[in-house]
Protein backbone atom coordinates (compact mmCIF):
# COMPACT_ATOMS: atom_id res chain seq x y z
CA MET A 1 39.79 -50.57 -52.67
CA PRO A 2 42.70 -53.07 -52.66
CA ASP A 3 44.10 -51.91 -56.02
CA GLY A 4 46.31 -49.37 -54.15
CA LYS A 5 49.26 -51.46 -54.83
CA PHE A 6 48.64 -51.25 -58.56
CA GLN A 7 47.98 -47.58 -58.41
CA GLU A 8 51.17 -47.02 -56.49
CA GLU A 9 53.16 -49.14 -59.01
CA LEU A 10 51.69 -47.01 -61.91
CA LYS A 11 52.83 -43.82 -60.23
CA ARG A 12 56.29 -45.17 -59.68
CA VAL A 13 56.66 -46.38 -63.35
CA ASP A 14 55.55 -42.92 -64.47
CA LYS A 15 58.07 -41.01 -62.21
CA ASN A 16 60.91 -43.33 -62.77
CA PHE A 17 60.63 -43.65 -66.57
CA PRO A 18 59.16 -40.55 -68.09
CA LEU A 19 57.97 -41.11 -71.67
CA ALA A 20 60.02 -38.29 -73.21
CA THR A 21 63.36 -38.98 -71.54
CA GLY A 22 63.96 -42.64 -71.08
CA PRO A 23 62.80 -46.31 -71.41
CA VAL A 24 59.23 -47.26 -70.32
CA LYS A 25 58.78 -50.65 -68.72
CA LEU A 26 55.87 -51.38 -71.03
CA GLN A 27 55.86 -55.23 -70.23
CA LYS A 28 55.44 -54.42 -66.58
CA LEU A 29 52.78 -51.85 -67.12
CA ALA A 30 50.93 -54.24 -69.56
CA VAL A 31 50.92 -57.04 -66.86
CA ILE A 32 49.63 -54.55 -64.23
CA LEU A 33 46.84 -53.34 -66.50
CA LYS A 34 45.90 -56.82 -67.63
CA THR A 35 45.85 -58.12 -63.99
CA ALA A 36 43.67 -55.00 -62.98
CA ASP A 37 41.21 -55.76 -65.85
CA ILE A 38 40.98 -59.52 -64.90
CA LEU A 39 40.28 -58.42 -61.20
CA HIS A 40 37.62 -55.89 -62.37
CA THR A 41 35.03 -58.67 -62.70
CA ASP A 42 32.65 -57.53 -59.96
CA SER A 43 29.22 -55.96 -59.89
CA SER A 44 30.72 -52.40 -60.07
CA ARG A 45 31.19 -53.03 -63.77
CA ILE A 46 27.52 -53.56 -64.26
CA ALA A 47 24.44 -51.64 -63.42
CA SER A 48 22.32 -54.36 -61.73
CA ILE A 49 19.34 -52.24 -60.65
CA GLY A 50 16.43 -52.68 -62.92
CA ILE A 51 18.36 -54.92 -65.40
CA ASP A 52 15.88 -57.49 -67.09
CA THR A 53 18.14 -60.49 -67.91
CA SER A 54 15.35 -62.42 -69.66
CA GLY A 55 16.20 -60.93 -73.06
CA MET A 56 19.90 -61.38 -72.80
CA ALA A 57 21.85 -63.98 -74.80
CA PRO A 58 22.72 -66.97 -72.49
CA GLU A 59 26.51 -66.07 -72.38
CA GLU A 60 25.77 -62.41 -71.54
CA LYS A 61 23.32 -63.38 -68.79
CA LYS A 62 25.87 -65.79 -67.29
CA LYS A 63 28.57 -63.04 -67.32
CA HIS A 64 26.03 -60.63 -65.76
CA LEU A 65 25.01 -63.20 -63.01
CA ALA A 66 28.80 -63.98 -62.26
CA ARG A 67 29.53 -60.19 -61.84
CA GLU A 68 26.72 -59.72 -59.57
CA SER A 69 28.06 -62.57 -57.39
CA ILE A 70 31.68 -61.19 -57.14
CA SER A 71 31.70 -58.71 -54.25
CA GLY A 72 35.36 -57.68 -54.80
CA TRP A 73 38.98 -58.56 -54.30
CA ASP A 74 41.87 -58.11 -51.81
CA CYS A 75 45.47 -58.89 -51.56
CA ASP A 76 47.03 -60.41 -48.51
CA GLY A 77 50.54 -59.86 -49.59
CA SER A 78 51.02 -63.34 -50.96
CA ARG A 79 47.73 -64.05 -52.62
CA ILE A 80 44.94 -62.27 -54.47
CA ILE A 81 41.63 -63.22 -53.14
CA ILE A 82 38.39 -62.71 -55.14
CA ASN A 83 35.32 -62.94 -52.86
CA ALA A 84 31.91 -64.01 -54.09
CA VAL A 85 28.46 -64.44 -52.76
CA PRO A 86 26.12 -66.07 -55.23
CA GLU A 87 22.42 -65.45 -54.59
CA SER A 88 20.95 -68.49 -56.29
CA ILE A 89 22.09 -71.78 -57.89
CA GLU A 90 22.00 -69.85 -61.27
CA HIS A 91 24.30 -67.37 -59.97
CA LEU A 92 26.59 -70.12 -58.61
CA ASP A 93 26.45 -71.88 -61.89
CA ALA A 94 27.54 -68.60 -63.64
CA LEU A 95 30.25 -67.92 -61.08
CA GLU A 96 31.77 -71.29 -61.49
CA GLY A 97 31.97 -70.66 -65.34
CA CYS A 98 33.62 -67.32 -64.62
CA ILE A 99 36.18 -68.97 -62.42
CA LYS A 100 36.96 -71.60 -64.99
CA TYR A 101 37.32 -68.92 -67.63
CA ILE A 102 39.62 -66.90 -65.49
CA GLU A 103 41.61 -70.06 -64.68
CA GLU A 104 41.98 -71.33 -68.18
CA LYS A 105 42.04 -68.17 -70.49
CA GLU A 106 43.00 -65.12 -68.40
CA TRP A 107 45.25 -65.99 -65.40
CA PRO A 108 47.97 -67.92 -67.34
CA ALA A 109 48.82 -64.75 -69.35
CA VAL A 110 49.80 -62.80 -66.27
CA LYS A 111 50.79 -65.34 -63.59
CA ASP A 112 54.34 -65.94 -64.39
CA LYS A 113 54.97 -62.11 -65.05
CA LEU A 114 53.41 -61.07 -61.74
CA SER A 115 55.72 -63.63 -60.16
CA ASP A 116 58.69 -62.13 -62.04
CA TYR A 117 57.75 -58.62 -60.72
CA ASP A 118 57.27 -59.82 -57.20
CA PHE A 119 53.63 -59.25 -57.22
CA PRO A 120 51.28 -61.75 -55.61
CA TYR A 121 50.35 -64.43 -58.35
CA GLN A 122 48.32 -67.06 -56.46
CA LEU A 123 44.68 -66.61 -57.11
CA GLU A 124 42.17 -67.68 -54.57
CA PHE A 125 38.38 -67.60 -54.73
CA LYS A 126 36.34 -67.37 -51.57
CA VAL A 127 32.86 -68.33 -52.43
CA ASN A 128 30.11 -67.90 -49.63
CA LYS A 129 27.42 -70.26 -50.62
CA SER A 130 25.12 -69.78 -47.71
CA ILE A 131 22.71 -67.45 -49.50
CA CYS A 132 22.00 -69.78 -52.39
CA GLY A 133 21.36 -72.64 -50.09
CA GLU A 134 24.37 -74.84 -51.05
CA PRO A 135 26.17 -76.61 -48.28
CA PRO A 136 29.77 -75.47 -47.76
CA GLU A 137 32.60 -77.48 -49.17
CA PRO A 138 36.07 -77.85 -47.89
CA LYS A 139 38.84 -75.91 -49.53
CA LYS A 140 39.83 -77.51 -52.80
CA LYS A 141 42.66 -76.93 -55.31
CA LEU A 142 42.15 -76.74 -59.05
CA THR A 143 45.23 -77.28 -61.11
CA ASN A 144 45.36 -76.74 -64.80
CA ASN A 145 48.59 -76.31 -66.89
CA GLY A 146 50.69 -75.57 -63.75
CA LEU A 147 48.23 -72.97 -62.45
CA THR A 148 46.85 -73.53 -58.93
CA ILE A 149 43.70 -71.91 -57.86
CA ASP A 150 42.41 -72.19 -54.26
CA ILE A 151 38.68 -72.26 -53.93
CA ILE A 152 37.32 -71.79 -50.48
CA CYS A 153 33.65 -72.23 -49.96
CA LEU A 154 32.29 -70.76 -46.92
């Protein structure tokens, strides 16, 4: 799992700044935990086997479908890359909503602080649309309030 960097940083914070004897870098720890929570949007967060989505509220169903589509994330040293493979047009629609939500609501809260702490802060989505039958698109950039997200459709 590519969260080894976060685990390593958590261990270092604990060793360098014991709770009982000195200051704790709470802001840094909060940024690490918030980022880890944002990135934990994949199917490991849900049990997809045998789930009947027909009775779900529309927003819950979209969240479920988006999580089913996200296969995980990795970090290449300069970027955090979220990988997704939507199975249907409905999954793709839900995924696009998820990307927009992360872009507008979640990522701005951590982007600048990740940069301050020399963590990767550029977010990229790699969406493989081949399974759902959508033609691939070229790489495109979405910019909103100074946040740039690269979306690569395979």
